[in-house]
């Protein structure tokens, strides 16, 4: 009826489309602020150092220190959310087994963060198996790079990779 659509945080994204209505952001990020480059770099660095037992979802002890750094980042940034993505190489037998392993690994990381006081609603854990390789996976070195957990930080609603 001619009334303006509210934009509570005055960021140019109407409240009906704004995933972060009380904090100014950008249209590209769904109305949420962009995650600082420094945070992205720290989280990515930590993610590259997460290690599991071979063909299992059990964290190796060295991963605890790495994940404790992620806990600190999340505690220092209470509006930050994290998408945890598990990936495997194309080794092993069935595609379904790799998908299950990647999901278990992502869930293991989520469980660790929750055990350290991070609210589970700030975290999502998804396994992709060997569906999103970084390379062709023909050599052992390439396969090792494809076995990974990615941590993608975002603010409420803006869950796109950075």
C-alpha atoms as a PDB file:
ATOM      1  CA  UNK A   1       0.000   0.000   0.000  1.00  0.00           C
ATOM      2  CA  UNK A   2       2.938   2.339  -0.573  1.00  0.00           C
ATOM      3  CA  UNK A   3       4.569   1.847   2.839  1.00  0.00           C
ATOM      4  CA  UNK A   4       8.346   1.397   2.797  1.00  0.00           C
ATOM      5  CA  UNK A   5       9.740  -2.050   3.578  1.00  0.00           C
ATOM      6  CA  UNK A   6      11.709  -1.899   6.843  1.00  0.00           C
ATOM      7  CA  UNK A   7      15.509  -2.019   6.851  1.00  0.00           C
ATOM      8  CA  UNK A   8      16.300  -2.110  10.580  1.00  0.00           C
ATOM      9  CA  UNK A   9      20.088  -1.879  10.234  1.00  0.00           C
ATOM     10  CA  UNK A  10      20.029   0.599   7.307  1.00  0.00           C
ATOM     11  CA  UNK A  11      22.348  -1.510   5.152  1.00  0.00           C
ATOM     12  CA  UNK A  12      20.210  -1.376   2.020  1.00  0.00           C
ATOM     13  CA  UNK A  13      18.917  -4.946   2.435  1.00  0.00           C
ATOM     14  CA  UNK A  14      15.239  -5.069   3.381  1.00  0.00           C
ATOM     15  CA  UNK A  15      14.458  -6.961   6.594  1.00  0.00           C
ATOM     16  CA  UNK A  16      12.466  -9.589   4.687  1.00  0.00           C
ATOM     17  CA  UNK A  17      15.673 -10.541   2.818  1.00  0.00           C
ATOM     18  CA  UNK A  18      18.204  -9.648   5.534  1.00  0.00           C
ATOM     19  CA  UNK A  19      19.692 -12.660   7.318  1.00  0.00           C
ATOM     20  CA  UNK A  20      21.395 -10.351   9.841  1.00  0.00           C
ATOM     21  CA  UNK A  21      18.714  -7.723  10.474  1.00  0.00           C
ATOM     22  CA  UNK A  22      20.384  -6.019  13.406  1.00  0.00           C
ATOM     23  CA  UNK A  23      23.914  -5.790  11.974  1.00  0.00           C
ATOM     24  CA  UNK A  24      24.766  -3.898   8.787  1.00  0.00           C
ATOM     25  CA  UNK A  25      26.123  -6.043   5.984  1.00  0.00           C
ATOM     26  CA  UNK A  26      26.126  -6.289   2.216  1.00  0.00           C
ATOM     27  CA  UNK A  27      23.617  -7.584  -0.295  1.00  0.00           C
ATOM     28  CA  UNK A  28      26.214 -10.109  -1.514  1.00  0.00           C
ATOM     29  CA  UNK A  29      26.352 -11.608   1.990  1.00  0.00           C
ATOM     30  CA  UNK A  30      22.571 -11.714   2.488  1.00  0.00           C
ATOM     31  CA  UNK A  31      22.653  -8.578   4.626  1.00  0.00           C
ATOM     32  CA  UNK A  32      25.361  -9.995   6.903  1.00  0.00           C
ATOM     33  CA  UNK A  33      28.790  -8.471   7.401  1.00  0.00           C
ATOM     34  CA  UNK A  34      31.720 -10.064   5.579  1.00  0.00           C
ATOM     35  CA  UNK A  35      33.983 -12.210   7.713  1.00  0.00           C
ATOM     36  CA  UNK A  36      37.333 -10.500   8.329  1.00  0.00           C
ATOM     37  CA  UNK A  37      40.153 -11.803   6.146  1.00  0.00           C
ATOM     38  CA  UNK A  38      42.268 -12.450   9.255  1.00  0.00           C
ATOM     39  CA  UNK A  39      39.611 -14.789  10.689  1.00  0.00           C
ATOM     40  CA  UNK A  40      39.247 -16.631   7.377  1.00  0.00           C
ATOM     41  CA  UNK A  41      43.012 -17.140   7.152  1.00  0.00           C
ATOM     42  CA  UNK A  42      43.278 -18.428  10.740  1.00  0.00           C
ATOM     43  CA  UNK A  43      40.371 -20.828  10.292  1.00  0.00           C
ATOM     44  CA  UNK A  44      41.731 -22.091   6.954  1.00  0.00           C
ATOM     45  CA  UNK A  45      45.179 -22.595   8.471  1.00  0.00           C
ATOM     46  CA  UNK A  46      43.676 -24.601  11.315  1.00  0.00           C
ATOM     47  CA  UNK A  47      41.510 -26.670   8.973  1.00  0.00           C
ATOM     48  CA  UNK A  48      44.554 -27.760   6.958  1.00  0.00           C
ATOM     49  CA  UNK A  49      46.129 -29.154  10.144  1.00  0.00           C
ATOM     50  CA  UNK A  50      43.208 -31.347  11.305  1.00  0.00           C
ATOM     51  CA  UNK A  51      44.260 -34.992  11.150  1.00  0.00           C
ATOM     52  CA  UNK A  52      42.405 -38.280  11.592  1.00  0.00           C
ATOM     53  CA  UNK A  53      43.417 -41.893  11.993  1.00  0.00           C
ATOM     54  CA  UNK A  54      43.665 -43.602   8.611  1.00  0.00           C
ATOM     55  CA  UNK A  55      40.223 -44.595   7.295  1.00  0.00           C
ATOM     56  CA  UNK A  56      38.595 -43.572  10.594  1.00  0.00           C
ATOM     57  CA  UNK A  57      36.859 -40.556  12.076  1.00  0.00           C
ATOM     58  CA  UNK A  58      39.072 -40.503  15.188  1.00  0.00           C
ATOM     59  CA  UNK A  59      41.051 -37.290  15.621  1.00  0.00           C
ATOM     60  CA  UNK A  60      44.796 -37.597  16.049  1.00  0.00           C
ATOM     61  CA  UNK A  61      46.034 -35.896  19.263  1.00  0.00           C
ATOM     62  CA  UNK A  62      47.771 -33.097  17.322  1.00  0.00           C
ATOM     63  CA  UNK A  63      44.359 -31.965  16.087  1.00  0.00           C
ATOM     64  CA  UNK A  64      43.206 -30.965  19.574  1.00  0.00           C
ATOM     65  CA  UNK A  65      45.531 -27.943  19.698  1.00  0.00           C
ATOM     66  CA  UNK A  66      44.465 -26.925  16.200  1.00  0.00           C
ATOM     67  CA  UNK A  67      40.784 -27.171  17.059  1.00  0.00           C
ATOM     68  CA  UNK A  68      41.343 -25.297  20.325  1.00  0.00           C
ATOM     69  CA  UNK A  69      42.490 -22.359  18.167  1.00  0.00           C
ATOM     70  CA  UNK A  70      39.182 -22.556  16.282  1.00  0.00           C
ATOM     71  CA  UNK A  71      37.321 -22.642  19.616  1.00  0.00           C
ATOM     72  CA  UNK A  72      39.087 -19.424  20.629  1.00  0.00           C
ATOM     73  CA  UNK A  73      38.118 -17.739  17.352  1.00  0.00           C
ATOM     74  CA  UNK A  74      34.488 -18.781  17.811  1.00  0.00           C
ATOM     75  CA  UNK A  75      34.423 -17.633  21.448  1.00  0.00           C
ATOM     76  CA  UNK A  76      35.995 -14.287  20.496  1.00  0.00           C
ATOM     77  CA  UNK A  77      33.400 -13.861  17.719  1.00  0.00           C
ATOM     78  CA  UNK A  78      30.056 -14.996  19.178  1.00  0.00           C
ATOM     79  CA  UNK A  79      28.077 -14.137  16.021  1.00  0.00           C
ATOM     80  CA  UNK A  80      30.342 -16.265  13.840  1.00  0.00           C
ATOM     81  CA  UNK A  81      29.012 -19.562  12.535  1.00  0.00           C
ATOM     82  CA  UNK A  82      30.990 -22.417  11.027  1.00  0.00           C
ATOM     83  CA  UNK A  83      30.189 -24.843   8.260  1.00  0.00           C
ATOM     84  CA  UNK A  84      32.287 -28.000   8.713  1.00  0.00           C
ATOM     85  CA  UNK A  85      32.739 -29.941   5.473  1.00  0.00           C
ATOM     86  CA  UNK A  86      34.287 -33.398   5.366  1.00  0.00           C
ATOM     87  CA  UNK A  87      35.975 -34.694   2.205  1.00  0.00           C
ATOM     88  CA  UNK A  88      37.720 -37.924   1.257  1.00  0.00           C
ATOM     89  CA  UNK A  89      39.941 -39.097  -1.559  1.00  0.00           C
ATOM     90  CA  UNK A  90      38.603 -41.557  -4.102  1.00  0.00           C
ATOM     91  CA  UNK A  91      40.439 -44.374  -2.292  1.00  0.00           C
ATOM     92  CA  UNK A  92      38.605 -47.211  -0.720  1.00  0.00           C
ATOM     93  CA  UNK A  93      35.767 -49.061  -2.197  1.00  0.00           C
ATOM     94  CA  UNK A  94      32.346 -47.639  -2.399  1.00  0.00           C
ATOM     95  CA  UNK A  95      31.279 -44.083  -2.876  1.00  0.00           C
ATOM     96  CA  UNK A  96      28.822 -44.564  -0.001  1.00  0.00           C
ATOM     97  CA  UNK A  97      31.633 -45.560   2.380  1.00  0.00           C
ATOM     98  CA  UNK A  98      33.589 -42.402   1.541  1.00  0.00           C
ATOM     99  CA  UNK A  99      30.469 -40.299   1.988  1.00  0.00           C
ATOM    100  CA  UNK A 100      29.816 -41.860   5.398  1.00  0.00           C
ATOM    101  CA  UNK A 101      33.448 -41.414   6.498  1.00  0.00           C
ATOM    102  CA  UNK A 102      33.456 -37.756   5.450  1.00  0.00           C
ATOM    103  CA  UNK A 103      30.215 -37.140   7.369  1.00  0.00           C
ATOM    104  CA  UNK A 104      31.601 -38.866  10.462  1.00  0.00           C
ATOM    105  CA  UNK A 105      34.766 -36.767  10.307  1.00  0.00           C
ATOM    106  CA  UNK A 106      32.822 -33.514   9.951  1.00  0.00           C
ATOM    107  CA  UNK A 107      30.609 -34.584  12.862  1.00  0.00           C
ATOM    108  CA  UNK A 108      33.666 -35.472  14.962  1.00  0.00           C
ATOM    109  CA  UNK A 109      35.004 -31.939  14.492  1.00  0.00           C
ATOM    110  CA  UNK A 110      31.595 -30.486  15.375  1.00  0.00           C
ATOM    111  CA  UNK A 111      31.376 -32.683  18.481  1.00  0.00           C
ATOM    112  CA  UNK A 112      34.839 -31.543  19.590  1.00  0.00           C
ATOM    113  CA  UNK A 113      33.900 -27.868  19.245  1.00  0.00           C
ATOM    114  CA  UNK A 114      30.631 -28.430  21.127  1.00  0.00           C
ATOM    115  CA  UNK A 115      32.529 -30.259  23.886  1.00  0.00           C
ATOM    116  CA  UNK A 116      34.614 -27.096  24.318  1.00  0.00           C
ATOM    117  CA  UNK A 117      31.568 -24.899  24.851  1.00  0.00           C
ATOM    118  CA  UNK A 118      30.554 -23.837  21.337  1.00  0.00           C
ATOM    119  CA  UNK A 119      26.779 -23.819  20.819  1.00  0.00           C
ATOM    120  CA  UNK A 120      25.842 -26.580  18.370  1.00  0.00           C
ATOM    121  CA  UNK A 121      23.390 -24.252  16.596  1.00  0.00           C
ATOM    122  CA  UNK A 122      26.375 -22.230  15.335  1.00  0.00           C
ATOM    123  CA  UNK A 123      27.831 -25.292  13.580  1.00  0.00           C
ATOM    124  CA  UNK A 124      26.815 -27.433  10.632  1.00  0.00           C
ATOM    125  CA  UNK A 125      28.566 -30.657   9.668  1.00  0.00           C
ATOM    126  CA  UNK A 126      28.272 -32.083   6.167  1.00  0.00           C
ATOM    127  CA  UNK A 127      30.111 -34.901   4.443  1.00  0.00           C
ATOM    128  CA  UNK A 128      30.786 -34.767   0.714  1.00  0.00           C
ATOM    129  CA  UNK A 129      32.818 -37.947   0.289  1.00  0.00           C
ATOM    130  CA  UNK A 130      34.952 -37.729  -2.825  1.00  0.00           C
ATOM    131  CA  UNK A 131      32.458 -35.492  -4.685  1.00  0.00           C
ATOM    132  CA  UNK A 132      34.492 -32.261  -4.383  1.00  0.00           C
ATOM    133  CA  UNK A 133      38.140 -33.167  -4.960  1.00  0.00           C
ATOM    134  CA  UNK A 134      40.822 -30.491  -5.126  1.00  0.00           C
ATOM    135  CA  UNK A 135      42.612 -32.440  -7.884  1.00  0.00           C
ATOM    136  CA  UNK A 136      42.451 -35.652  -9.953  1.00  0.00           C
ATOM    137  CA  UNK A 137      43.635 -37.818  -7.045  1.00  0.00           C
ATOM    138  CA  UNK A 138      45.993 -39.896  -9.166  1.00  0.00           C
ATOM    139  CA  UNK A 139      49.067 -39.744  -6.920  1.00  0.00           C
ATOM    140  CA  UNK A 140      49.335 -40.354  -3.188  1.00  0.00           C
ATOM    141  CA  UNK A 141      50.146 -36.666  -2.670  1.00  0.00           C
ATOM    142  CA  UNK A 142      47.015 -35.614  -4.572  1.00  0.00           C
ATOM    143  CA  UNK A 143      44.876 -38.104  -2.660  1.00  0.00           C
ATOM    144  CA  UNK A 144      46.234 -36.765   0.630  1.00  0.00           C
ATOM    145  CA  UNK A 145      45.166 -33.232  -0.346  1.00  0.00           C
ATOM    146  CA  UNK A 146      41.673 -34.460  -1.159  1.00  0.00           C
ATOM    147  CA  UNK A 147      41.316 -35.971   2.346  1.00  0.00           C
ATOM    148  CA  UNK A 148      40.417 -32.897   4.326  1.00  0.00           C
ATOM    149  CA  UNK A 149      37.990 -31.021   6.498  1.00  0.00           C
ATOM    150  CA  UNK A 150      37.139 -27.493   5.420  1.00  0.00           C
ATOM    151  CA  UNK A 151      35.923 -24.911   7.907  1.00  0.00           C
ATOM    152  CA  UNK A 152      33.875 -22.116   6.374  1.00  0.00           C
ATOM    153  CA  UNK A 153      33.139 -19.172   8.664  1.00  0.00           C
ATOM    154  CA  UNK A 154      30.094 -16.961   8.130  1.00  0.00           C
ATOM    155  CA  UNK A 155      27.675 -14.772  10.003  1.00  0.00           C
ATOM    156  CA  UNK A 156      24.041 -15.744  10.520  1.00  0.00           C
ATOM    157  CA  UNK A 157      22.678 -16.832   7.208  1.00  0.00           C
ATOM    158  CA  UNK A 158      25.618 -16.094   4.925  1.00  0.00           C
ATOM    159  CA  UNK A 159      26.988 -19.594   4.502  1.00  0.00           C
ATOM    160  CA  UNK A 160      28.820 -19.125   1.228  1.00  0.00           C
ATOM    161  CA  UNK A 161      32.520 -20.121   1.097  1.00  0.00           C
ATOM    162  CA  UNK A 162      34.992 -17.259   1.345  1.00  0.00           C
END
